[in-house]
């Protein structure tokens, strides 16, 4: 059990039979009344964000989570098979539990978050930036770099990313896996 004032970003709590991660918190001390914590909690299973107020001193059930590196091996139906880098055990993880799954390449190492007490996998997180090769895009025009115009490009994982006009087929680019946006050319 933890006190409400101990909630920080990344804290995992069990509430109403569900697991939630704190994604935002604010310690509020109004001029009148008691101090409280205003939080935004993300449901681990379906990703819904919930705003919740807790009074200072309120007891919450915390969940101990572990973060471990897992390597992606292959896809089987709707599940993705990952190998634990420490024990070499293979575990299937459902499609909807992987953030940024459209940018997942074979042999990529991701961070898997699991409940330490039950060993249940909560979700898998790709690195924030990944380097991917552009497999197809319309050719750009020479010298057309003054405008901030974007065009669609297909990357090696099959996902479509909006890239600047000067990017051509065969080039490597960096992509933000959280938003799916082009960041820069890979060097």
N, C-alpha and C. Protein backbone atom coordinates (compact mmCIF):
# COMPACT_ATOMS: atom_id res chain seq x y z
N UNK A 1 0.84 -1.18 0.00
CA UNK A 1 0.00 0.00 0.00
C UNK A 1 0.89 1.25 0.00
N UNK A 2 0.46 2.24 -0.77
CA UNK A 2 1.17 3.51 -0.79
C UNK A 2 0.17 4.63 -0.47
N UNK A 3 0.69 5.75 -0.04
CA UNK A 3 -0.15 6.91 0.20
C UNK A 3 -0.35 7.66 -1.11
N UNK A 4 -1.47 8.36 -1.21
CA UNK A 4 -1.79 9.09 -2.44
C UNK A 4 -0.72 10.12 -2.80
N UNK A 5 -0.09 10.74 -1.78
CA UNK A 5 0.92 11.76 -2.08
C UNK A 5 2.21 11.16 -2.64
N UNK A 6 2.35 9.84 -2.62
CA UNK A 6 3.54 9.18 -3.16
C UNK A 6 3.41 8.81 -4.63
N UNK A 7 2.27 9.10 -5.24
CA UNK A 7 2.08 8.77 -6.66
C UNK A 7 2.97 9.67 -7.52
N UNK A 8 3.69 9.06 -8.44
CA UNK A 8 4.55 9.76 -9.38
C UNK A 8 4.28 9.20 -10.78
N UNK A 9 4.84 9.83 -11.81
CA UNK A 9 4.70 9.30 -13.17
C UNK A 9 5.31 7.91 -13.24
N UNK A 10 4.57 6.96 -13.82
CA UNK A 10 5.06 5.59 -13.94
C UNK A 10 4.64 4.69 -12.81
N UNK A 11 4.04 5.23 -11.74
CA UNK A 11 3.57 4.40 -10.64
C UNK A 11 2.38 3.57 -11.11
N UNK A 12 2.37 2.29 -10.77
CA UNK A 12 1.28 1.41 -11.17
C UNK A 12 0.45 1.09 -9.93
N UNK A 13 -0.87 1.28 -10.04
CA UNK A 13 -1.76 0.98 -8.92
C UNK A 13 -2.89 0.08 -9.39
N UNK A 14 -3.47 -0.67 -8.43
CA UNK A 14 -4.63 -1.50 -8.70
C UNK A 14 -5.84 -0.80 -8.08
N UNK A 15 -6.84 -0.55 -8.90
CA UNK A 15 -8.03 0.16 -8.43
C UNK A 15 -9.24 -0.44 -9.14
N UNK A 16 -10.27 -0.78 -8.40
CA UNK A 16 -11.50 -1.37 -8.95
C UNK A 16 -11.21 -2.63 -9.77
N UNK A 17 -10.21 -3.39 -9.36
CA UNK A 17 -9.87 -4.64 -10.04
C UNK A 17 -9.08 -4.47 -11.33
N UNK A 18 -8.69 -3.23 -11.67
CA UNK A 18 -7.92 -2.97 -12.89
C UNK A 18 -6.57 -2.35 -12.54
N UNK A 19 -5.63 -2.47 -13.47
CA UNK A 19 -4.31 -1.88 -13.28
C UNK A 19 -4.23 -0.56 -14.04
N UNK A 20 -3.65 0.46 -13.38
CA UNK A 20 -3.50 1.77 -13.98
C UNK A 20 -2.08 2.28 -13.77
N UNK A 21 -1.54 2.96 -14.80
CA UNK A 21 -0.27 3.65 -14.68
C UNK A 21 -0.54 5.14 -14.58
N UNK A 22 0.17 5.82 -13.69
CA UNK A 22 0.03 7.26 -13.57
C UNK A 22 0.84 7.90 -14.70
N UNK A 23 0.17 8.72 -15.51
CA UNK A 23 0.88 9.40 -16.60
C UNK A 23 1.04 10.89 -16.32
N UNK A 24 0.28 11.40 -15.34
CA UNK A 24 0.40 12.80 -14.97
C UNK A 24 -0.14 12.98 -13.56
N UNK A 25 0.52 13.81 -12.76
CA UNK A 25 0.03 14.06 -11.40
C UNK A 25 0.29 15.51 -11.03
N UNK A 26 -0.55 16.01 -10.12
CA UNK A 26 -0.41 17.38 -9.66
C UNK A 26 -0.83 17.44 -8.20
N UNK A 27 0.04 17.97 -7.36
CA UNK A 27 -0.24 18.14 -5.94
C UNK A 27 -0.94 19.49 -5.79
N UNK A 28 -2.22 19.49 -5.38
CA UNK A 28 -3.02 20.71 -5.34
C UNK A 28 -3.30 21.10 -3.89
N UNK A 29 -2.98 22.35 -3.57
CA UNK A 29 -3.26 22.87 -2.23
C UNK A 29 -4.15 24.11 -2.41
N UNK A 30 -5.47 23.91 -2.38
CA UNK A 30 -6.37 25.05 -2.56
C UNK A 30 -6.32 25.98 -1.35
N UNK A 31 -6.77 27.22 -1.55
CA UNK A 31 -6.78 28.17 -0.43
C UNK A 31 -7.72 27.74 0.67
N UNK A 32 -8.75 27.03 0.30
CA UNK A 32 -9.74 26.58 1.27
C UNK A 32 -9.92 25.08 1.08
N UNK A 33 -9.93 24.33 2.13
CA UNK A 33 -10.15 22.89 2.02
C UNK A 33 -8.86 22.10 2.16
N UNK A 34 -8.98 20.79 1.95
CA UNK A 34 -7.85 19.88 2.13
C UNK A 34 -7.00 19.77 0.87
N UNK A 35 -5.75 19.42 1.07
CA UNK A 35 -4.83 19.18 -0.04
C UNK A 35 -5.20 17.85 -0.70
N UNK A 36 -5.04 17.79 -2.04
CA UNK A 36 -5.35 16.54 -2.75
C UNK A 36 -4.41 16.37 -3.93
N UNK A 37 -4.42 15.16 -4.50
CA UNK A 37 -3.63 14.83 -5.69
C UNK A 37 -4.58 14.71 -6.87
N UNK A 38 -4.30 15.44 -7.95
CA UNK A 38 -5.07 15.30 -9.19
C UNK A 38 -4.21 14.47 -10.13
N UNK A 39 -4.74 13.35 -10.60
CA UNK A 39 -3.94 12.44 -11.42
C UNK A 39 -4.65 12.10 -12.73
N UNK A 40 -3.85 11.68 -13.70
CA UNK A 40 -4.36 11.07 -14.92
C UNK A 40 -3.80 9.66 -14.93
N UNK A 41 -4.69 8.69 -14.98
CA UNK A 41 -4.31 7.29 -14.93
C UNK A 41 -4.66 6.61 -16.25
N UNK A 42 -3.74 5.79 -16.75
CA UNK A 42 -3.97 5.07 -18.01
C UNK A 42 -4.23 3.61 -17.70
N UNK A 43 -5.36 3.10 -18.20
CA UNK A 43 -5.71 1.70 -18.02
C UNK A 43 -4.72 0.85 -18.83
N UNK A 44 -4.12 -0.13 -18.18
CA UNK A 44 -3.09 -0.95 -18.82
C UNK A 44 -3.69 -1.80 -19.94
N UNK A 45 -4.89 -2.33 -19.74
CA UNK A 45 -5.48 -3.26 -20.70
C UNK A 45 -5.98 -2.56 -21.96
N UNK A 46 -6.84 -1.54 -21.81
CA UNK A 46 -7.44 -0.95 -23.00
C UNK A 46 -6.93 0.44 -23.35
N UNK A 47 -6.06 1.04 -22.53
CA UNK A 47 -5.44 2.31 -22.86
C UNK A 47 -6.26 3.54 -22.57
N UNK A 48 -7.44 3.38 -21.96
CA UNK A 48 -8.27 4.55 -21.63
C UNK A 48 -7.59 5.38 -20.56
N UNK A 49 -7.73 6.70 -20.68
CA UNK A 49 -7.16 7.62 -19.70
C UNK A 49 -8.29 8.11 -18.79
N UNK A 50 -8.04 8.07 -17.49
CA UNK A 50 -9.03 8.40 -16.48
C UNK A 50 -8.45 9.48 -15.58
N UNK A 51 -9.23 10.54 -15.32
CA UNK A 51 -8.79 11.56 -14.38
C UNK A 51 -9.39 11.23 -13.01
N UNK A 52 -8.56 11.31 -11.98
CA UNK A 52 -9.02 10.90 -10.64
C UNK A 52 -8.36 11.78 -9.59
N UNK A 53 -9.12 12.13 -8.56
CA UNK A 53 -8.63 12.90 -7.41
C UNK A 53 -8.48 11.98 -6.22
N UNK A 54 -7.38 12.13 -5.49
CA UNK A 54 -7.15 11.37 -4.27
C UNK A 54 -6.84 12.34 -3.15
N UNK A 55 -7.46 12.12 -1.98
CA UNK A 55 -7.15 12.93 -0.81
C UNK A 55 -5.79 12.52 -0.27
N UNK A 56 -5.06 13.48 0.28
CA UNK A 56 -3.75 13.18 0.86
C UNK A 56 -3.96 12.24 2.04
N UNK A 57 -3.14 11.19 2.11
CA UNK A 57 -3.26 10.21 3.18
C UNK A 57 -4.10 9.00 2.78
N UNK A 58 -4.80 9.09 1.64
CA UNK A 58 -5.60 7.96 1.17
C UNK A 58 -4.66 6.82 0.78
N UNK A 59 -5.00 5.59 1.16
CA UNK A 59 -4.16 4.43 0.87
C UNK A 59 -4.57 3.81 -0.46
N UNK A 60 -3.58 3.48 -1.28
CA UNK A 60 -3.80 2.86 -2.58
C UNK A 60 -2.98 1.58 -2.68
N UNK A 61 -3.49 0.62 -3.43
CA UNK A 61 -2.76 -0.64 -3.61
C UNK A 61 -1.81 -0.49 -4.79
N UNK A 62 -0.52 -0.52 -4.50
CA UNK A 62 0.45 -0.39 -5.58
C UNK A 62 0.82 -1.76 -6.13
N UNK A 63 1.26 -1.76 -7.37
CA UNK A 63 1.66 -2.99 -8.05
C UNK A 63 3.11 -2.85 -8.44
N UNK A 64 3.91 -3.82 -8.06
CA UNK A 64 5.33 -3.79 -8.42
C UNK A 64 5.48 -4.32 -9.84
N UNK A 65 6.08 -3.50 -10.69
CA UNK A 65 6.26 -3.90 -12.08
C UNK A 65 7.75 -4.06 -12.39
N UNK A 66 8.03 -4.93 -13.33
CA UNK A 66 9.41 -5.16 -13.77
C UNK A 66 9.50 -4.86 -15.25
N UNK A 67 10.60 -4.25 -15.64
CA UNK A 67 10.87 -3.94 -17.05
C UNK A 67 12.05 -4.79 -17.49
N UNK A 68 11.82 -5.58 -18.54
CA UNK A 68 12.87 -6.46 -19.03
C UNK A 68 12.98 -6.36 -20.55
N UNK A 69 14.19 -6.56 -21.07
CA UNK A 69 14.34 -6.54 -22.54
C UNK A 69 13.90 -7.88 -23.14
N UNK A 70 13.09 -7.80 -24.18
CA UNK A 70 12.64 -8.97 -24.93
C UNK A 70 12.95 -8.73 -26.39
N UNK A 71 13.30 -9.80 -27.11
CA UNK A 71 13.61 -9.70 -28.53
C UNK A 71 12.46 -10.27 -29.34
N UNK A 72 12.03 -9.51 -30.37
CA UNK A 72 10.95 -9.98 -31.23
C UNK A 72 11.48 -11.05 -32.17
N UNK A 73 10.78 -12.21 -32.23
CA UNK A 73 11.20 -13.31 -33.08
C UNK A 73 10.35 -13.41 -34.36
N UNK A 74 9.02 -13.60 -34.19
CA UNK A 74 8.15 -13.75 -35.35
C UNK A 74 6.70 -13.52 -34.94
N UNK A 75 5.84 -13.40 -35.97
CA UNK A 75 4.41 -13.19 -35.74
C UNK A 75 3.68 -14.50 -35.99
N UNK A 76 2.72 -14.82 -35.12
CA UNK A 76 1.92 -16.04 -35.25
C UNK A 76 0.46 -15.68 -35.02
N UNK A 77 -0.31 -15.55 -36.08
CA UNK A 77 -1.72 -15.13 -35.95
C UNK A 77 -1.78 -13.68 -35.49
N UNK A 78 -2.52 -13.41 -34.40
CA UNK A 78 -2.59 -12.06 -33.83
C UNK A 78 -1.55 -11.83 -32.75
N UNK A 79 -0.80 -12.87 -32.41
CA UNK A 79 0.22 -12.76 -31.37
C UNK A 79 1.60 -12.57 -31.97
N UNK A 80 2.43 -11.89 -31.21
CA UNK A 80 3.82 -11.68 -31.57
C UNK A 80 4.66 -12.45 -30.56
N UNK A 81 5.58 -13.26 -31.06
CA UNK A 81 6.39 -14.10 -30.18
C UNK A 81 7.69 -13.37 -29.85
N UNK A 82 7.94 -13.22 -28.53
CA UNK A 82 9.12 -12.53 -28.03
C UNK A 82 9.93 -13.49 -27.18
N UNK A 83 11.26 -13.25 -27.13
CA UNK A 83 12.15 -14.06 -26.30
C UNK A 83 12.73 -13.18 -25.21
N UNK A 84 12.62 -13.66 -23.97
CA UNK A 84 13.22 -12.98 -22.84
C UNK A 84 14.74 -13.03 -23.00
N UNK A 85 15.40 -11.87 -22.95
CA UNK A 85 16.84 -11.79 -23.18
C UNK A 85 17.64 -12.40 -22.03
N UNK A 86 17.03 -12.57 -20.87
CA UNK A 86 17.76 -13.10 -19.71
C UNK A 86 17.58 -14.61 -19.56
N UNK A 87 16.34 -15.11 -19.74
CA UNK A 87 16.06 -16.53 -19.52
C UNK A 87 15.91 -17.31 -20.83
N UNK A 88 15.81 -16.61 -21.96
CA UNK A 88 15.63 -17.20 -23.29
C UNK A 88 14.31 -17.96 -23.44
N UNK A 89 13.33 -17.67 -22.58
CA UNK A 89 11.99 -18.24 -22.72
C UNK A 89 11.21 -17.44 -23.76
N UNK A 90 10.33 -18.12 -24.49
CA UNK A 90 9.53 -17.44 -25.50
C UNK A 90 8.13 -17.18 -24.96
N UNK A 91 7.60 -15.96 -25.21
CA UNK A 91 6.29 -15.56 -24.72
C UNK A 91 5.50 -14.90 -25.84
N UNK A 92 4.22 -15.30 -26.02
CA UNK A 92 3.37 -14.58 -26.99
C UNK A 92 2.80 -13.32 -26.35
N UNK A 93 2.77 -12.22 -27.11
CA UNK A 93 2.19 -10.97 -26.64
C UNK A 93 1.17 -10.53 -27.68
N UNK A 94 -0.04 -10.20 -27.23
CA UNK A 94 -1.12 -9.80 -28.14
C UNK A 94 -0.78 -8.50 -28.85
N UNK A 95 -1.32 -8.35 -30.05
CA UNK A 95 -1.11 -7.18 -30.90
C UNK A 95 -1.41 -5.87 -30.19
N UNK A 96 -2.53 -5.81 -29.46
CA UNK A 96 -2.96 -4.56 -28.84
C UNK A 96 -2.20 -4.20 -27.58
N UNK A 97 -1.30 -5.06 -27.10
CA UNK A 97 -0.49 -4.75 -25.92
C UNK A 97 0.87 -4.15 -26.30
N UNK A 98 1.13 -4.00 -27.59
CA UNK A 98 2.43 -3.49 -28.05
C UNK A 98 2.24 -2.08 -28.58
N UNK A 99 2.93 -1.11 -27.96
CA UNK A 99 2.84 0.27 -28.44
C UNK A 99 3.79 0.44 -29.63
N UNK A 100 3.28 1.04 -30.71
CA UNK A 100 4.10 1.26 -31.91
C UNK A 100 4.32 0.00 -32.70
N UNK A 101 3.38 -0.94 -32.67
CA UNK A 101 3.55 -2.25 -33.30
C UNK A 101 3.77 -2.15 -34.81
N UNK A 102 3.31 -1.08 -35.46
CA UNK A 102 3.48 -0.93 -36.90
C UNK A 102 4.94 -0.79 -37.31
N UNK A 103 5.81 -0.44 -36.37
CA UNK A 103 7.22 -0.21 -36.67
C UNK A 103 8.12 -1.31 -36.11
N UNK A 104 7.53 -2.45 -35.77
CA UNK A 104 8.27 -3.57 -35.17
C UNK A 104 8.95 -4.41 -36.25
N UNK A 105 10.28 -4.54 -36.16
CA UNK A 105 11.07 -5.36 -37.09
C UNK A 105 11.51 -6.63 -36.37
N UNK A 106 11.82 -7.67 -37.15
CA UNK A 106 12.36 -8.90 -36.56
C UNK A 106 13.68 -8.60 -35.88
N UNK A 107 13.93 -9.27 -34.77
CA UNK A 107 15.14 -9.17 -33.95
C UNK A 107 15.24 -7.84 -33.20
N UNK A 108 14.20 -7.00 -33.23
CA UNK A 108 14.22 -5.75 -32.49
C UNK A 108 14.02 -6.04 -31.00
N UNK A 109 14.76 -5.34 -30.17
CA UNK A 109 14.64 -5.51 -28.72
C UNK A 109 13.70 -4.45 -28.18
N UNK A 110 12.67 -4.90 -27.45
CA UNK A 110 11.68 -3.99 -26.86
C UNK A 110 11.70 -4.16 -25.35
N UNK A 111 11.08 -3.22 -24.66
CA UNK A 111 10.99 -3.30 -23.21
C UNK A 111 9.61 -3.81 -22.84
N UNK A 112 9.56 -4.95 -22.12
CA UNK A 112 8.29 -5.54 -21.72
C UNK A 112 8.08 -5.29 -20.24
N UNK A 113 6.90 -4.75 -19.92
CA UNK A 113 6.54 -4.44 -18.53
C UNK A 113 5.61 -5.52 -18.05
N UNK A 114 5.96 -6.14 -16.91
CA UNK A 114 5.12 -7.21 -16.37
C UNK A 114 4.89 -7.02 -14.87
N UNK A 115 3.77 -7.57 -14.40
CA UNK A 115 3.43 -7.55 -12.98
C UNK A 115 4.38 -8.51 -12.27
N UNK A 116 5.13 -8.03 -11.30
CA UNK A 116 6.16 -8.85 -10.65
C UNK A 116 5.56 -9.97 -9.83
N UNK A 117 4.37 -9.78 -9.26
CA UNK A 117 3.79 -10.81 -8.40
C UNK A 117 3.17 -11.96 -9.19
N UNK A 118 2.53 -11.67 -10.32
CA UNK A 118 1.86 -12.72 -11.09
C UNK A 118 2.57 -13.07 -12.39
N UNK A 119 3.63 -12.32 -12.74
CA UNK A 119 4.38 -12.52 -13.99
C UNK A 119 3.49 -12.32 -15.22
N UNK A 120 2.41 -11.57 -15.09
CA UNK A 120 1.52 -11.26 -16.21
C UNK A 120 2.12 -10.10 -17.01
N UNK A 121 2.20 -10.28 -18.32
CA UNK A 121 2.74 -9.21 -19.17
C UNK A 121 1.67 -8.14 -19.33
N UNK A 122 2.02 -6.91 -18.98
CA UNK A 122 1.08 -5.80 -19.05
C UNK A 122 1.11 -5.13 -20.42
N UNK A 123 2.31 -4.80 -20.92
CA UNK A 123 2.45 -4.23 -22.26
C UNK A 123 3.91 -4.27 -22.69
N UNK A 124 4.13 -4.04 -23.98
CA UNK A 124 5.48 -3.98 -24.54
C UNK A 124 5.65 -2.63 -25.21
N UNK A 125 6.83 -2.06 -25.05
CA UNK A 125 7.10 -0.71 -25.54
C UNK A 125 8.31 -0.73 -26.47
N UNK A 126 8.12 -0.24 -27.69
CA UNK A 126 9.24 -0.11 -28.63
C UNK A 126 10.11 1.07 -28.21
N UNK A 127 11.36 1.12 -28.67
CA UNK A 127 12.16 2.32 -28.43
C UNK A 127 11.45 3.53 -29.04
N UNK A 128 11.69 4.70 -28.49
CA UNK A 128 11.01 5.91 -28.97
C UNK A 128 11.37 6.20 -30.42
N UNK A 129 12.64 6.03 -30.78
CA UNK A 129 13.09 6.28 -32.15
C UNK A 129 13.59 4.97 -32.75
N UNK A 130 13.10 4.66 -33.96
CA UNK A 130 13.60 3.49 -34.68
C UNK A 130 14.08 3.93 -36.06
N UNK A 131 15.04 3.19 -36.58
CA UNK A 131 15.61 3.47 -37.89
C UNK A 131 15.04 2.46 -38.88
N UNK A 132 14.38 2.97 -39.92
CA UNK A 132 13.74 2.10 -40.91
C UNK A 132 14.13 2.53 -42.32
N UNK A 133 14.13 1.55 -43.23
CA UNK A 133 14.45 1.84 -44.62
C UNK A 133 13.16 2.11 -45.39
N UNK A 134 13.19 3.13 -46.25
CA UNK A 134 12.04 3.44 -47.09
C UNK A 134 12.04 2.46 -48.26
N UNK A 135 10.96 1.68 -48.40
CA UNK A 135 10.89 0.70 -49.49
C UNK A 135 10.21 1.26 -50.72
N UNK A 136 9.30 2.25 -50.53
CA UNK A 136 8.68 2.89 -51.69
C UNK A 136 8.20 4.29 -51.34
N UNK A 137 8.48 5.21 -52.24
CA UNK A 137 7.92 6.56 -52.18
C UNK A 137 8.04 7.16 -53.57
N UNK A 138 7.17 8.09 -53.87
CA UNK A 138 7.25 8.79 -55.15
C UNK A 138 8.55 9.57 -55.19
N UNK A 139 9.20 9.65 -56.36
CA UNK A 139 10.45 10.42 -56.43
C UNK A 139 10.20 11.91 -56.18
N UNK A 140 11.14 12.52 -55.45
CA UNK A 140 11.03 13.95 -55.18
C UNK A 140 11.65 14.77 -56.29
N UNK A 141 11.27 16.03 -56.38
CA UNK A 141 11.84 16.91 -57.39
C UNK A 141 13.06 17.60 -56.82
N UNK A 142 14.09 17.73 -57.64
CA UNK A 142 15.33 18.36 -57.20
C UNK A 142 15.08 19.84 -56.90
N UNK A 143 15.53 20.27 -55.75
CA UNK A 143 15.40 21.67 -55.36
C UNK A 143 14.07 22.02 -54.71
N UNK A 144 13.17 21.06 -54.57
CA UNK A 144 11.86 21.34 -53.98
C UNK A 144 11.93 21.11 -52.46
N UNK A 145 12.73 21.92 -51.78
CA UNK A 145 12.89 21.76 -50.33
C UNK A 145 12.45 22.99 -49.57
N UNK A 146 12.01 24.03 -50.26
CA UNK A 146 11.65 25.27 -49.59
C UNK A 146 10.34 25.13 -48.81
N UNK A 147 9.41 24.34 -49.32
CA UNK A 147 8.13 24.19 -48.63
C UNK A 147 8.21 23.06 -47.62
N UNK A 148 7.27 23.07 -46.71
CA UNK A 148 7.23 22.04 -45.68
C UNK A 148 6.19 20.98 -46.07
N UNK A 149 6.21 20.56 -47.33
CA UNK A 149 5.25 19.60 -47.85
C UNK A 149 5.72 18.18 -47.56
N UNK A 150 4.76 17.31 -47.23
CA UNK A 150 5.08 15.91 -46.93
C UNK A 150 4.41 15.00 -47.94
N UNK A 151 5.01 13.83 -48.15
CA UNK A 151 4.45 12.82 -49.05
C UNK A 151 4.46 11.48 -48.33
N UNK A 152 3.58 10.55 -48.72
CA UNK A 152 3.57 9.23 -48.06
C UNK A 152 4.75 8.38 -48.52
N UNK A 153 5.29 7.61 -47.57
CA UNK A 153 6.38 6.67 -47.88
C UNK A 153 6.12 5.38 -47.12
N UNK A 154 6.35 4.26 -47.78
CA UNK A 154 6.19 2.95 -47.14
C UNK A 154 7.56 2.51 -46.63
N UNK A 155 7.62 2.09 -45.36
CA UNK A 155 8.88 1.64 -44.77
C UNK A 155 8.93 0.12 -44.76
N UNK A 156 10.05 -0.45 -44.37
CA UNK A 156 10.27 -1.90 -44.47
C UNK A 156 9.30 -2.74 -43.65
N UNK A 157 8.65 -2.17 -42.64
CA UNK A 157 7.67 -2.93 -41.85
C UNK A 157 6.29 -2.92 -42.48
N UNK A 158 6.11 -2.14 -43.54
CA UNK A 158 4.82 -2.05 -44.21
C UNK A 158 4.01 -0.84 -43.79
N UNK A 159 4.44 -0.12 -42.78
CA UNK A 159 3.73 1.07 -42.30
C UNK A 159 3.97 2.24 -43.25
N UNK A 160 3.03 3.18 -43.26
CA UNK A 160 3.16 4.38 -44.07
C UNK A 160 3.48 5.56 -43.18
N UNK A 161 4.50 6.32 -43.58
CA UNK A 161 4.97 7.49 -42.82
C UNK A 161 4.98 8.69 -43.76
N UNK A 162 4.59 9.84 -43.27
CA UNK A 162 4.65 11.08 -44.06
C UNK A 162 6.06 11.64 -43.93
N UNK A 163 6.74 11.81 -45.09
CA UNK A 163 8.13 12.26 -45.11
C UNK A 163 8.26 13.50 -46.00
N UNK A 164 9.35 14.27 -45.84
CA UNK A 164 9.58 15.42 -46.72
C UNK A 164 9.82 14.96 -48.16
N UNK A 165 9.69 15.89 -49.09
CA UNK A 165 9.79 15.57 -50.52
C UNK A 165 11.17 15.06 -50.94
N UNK A 166 12.23 15.42 -50.21
CA UNK A 166 13.58 15.03 -50.63
C UNK A 166 13.95 13.59 -50.27
N UNK A 167 13.12 12.89 -49.51
CA UNK A 167 13.40 11.49 -49.15
C UNK A 167 13.06 10.59 -50.33
N UNK A 168 13.97 9.65 -50.66
CA UNK A 168 13.78 8.75 -51.79
C UNK A 168 13.78 7.29 -51.33
N UNK A 169 13.37 6.41 -52.22
CA UNK A 169 13.36 4.97 -51.95
C UNK A 169 14.79 4.50 -51.66
N UNK A 170 14.93 3.64 -50.63
CA UNK A 170 16.24 3.11 -50.28
C UNK A 170 16.94 3.86 -49.16
N UNK A 171 16.46 5.04 -48.82
CA UNK A 171 17.08 5.81 -47.74
C UNK A 171 16.59 5.31 -46.38
N UNK A 172 17.42 5.53 -45.38
CA UNK A 172 17.03 5.17 -44.01
C UNK A 172 16.58 6.44 -43.29
N UNK A 173 15.46 6.30 -42.55
CA UNK A 173 14.92 7.43 -41.81
C UNK A 173 14.68 7.02 -40.36
N UNK A 174 14.59 8.02 -39.48
CA UNK A 174 14.22 7.77 -38.09
C UNK A 174 12.76 8.16 -37.89
N UNK A 175 12.01 7.29 -37.18
CA UNK A 175 10.59 7.49 -36.97
C UNK A 175 10.30 7.44 -35.48
N UNK A 176 9.41 8.32 -35.01
CA UNK A 176 8.94 8.31 -33.62
C UNK A 176 7.84 7.25 -33.53
N UNK A 177 8.06 6.20 -32.72
CA UNK A 177 7.10 5.09 -32.64
C UNK A 177 5.83 5.45 -31.89
N UNK A 178 5.86 6.50 -31.08
CA UNK A 178 4.66 6.90 -30.34
C UNK A 178 3.65 7.58 -31.24
N UNK A 179 4.13 8.41 -32.18
CA UNK A 179 3.24 9.19 -33.03
C UNK A 179 3.26 8.73 -34.48
N UNK A 180 4.28 8.00 -34.89
CA UNK A 180 4.40 7.56 -36.28
C UNK A 180 4.90 8.64 -37.20
N UNK A 181 5.52 9.68 -36.64
CA UNK A 181 6.00 10.81 -37.44
C UNK A 181 7.47 10.66 -37.81
N UNK A 182 7.81 11.19 -38.97
CA UNK A 182 9.19 11.27 -39.44
C UNK A 182 9.98 12.23 -38.54
N UNK A 183 11.19 11.84 -38.14
CA UNK A 183 12.03 12.71 -37.31
C UNK A 183 13.15 13.30 -38.15
N UNK A 184 13.95 12.39 -38.76
CA UNK A 184 15.10 12.86 -39.54
C UNK A 184 15.62 11.73 -40.41
N UNK A 185 16.55 12.09 -41.29
CA UNK A 185 17.28 11.10 -42.06
C UNK A 185 18.27 10.40 -41.14
N UNK A 186 18.45 9.12 -41.33
CA UNK A 186 19.47 8.39 -40.56
C UNK A 186 20.81 8.63 -41.20
N UNK A 187 21.82 8.76 -40.37
CA UNK A 187 23.16 9.07 -40.89
C UNK A 187 23.93 7.82 -41.16
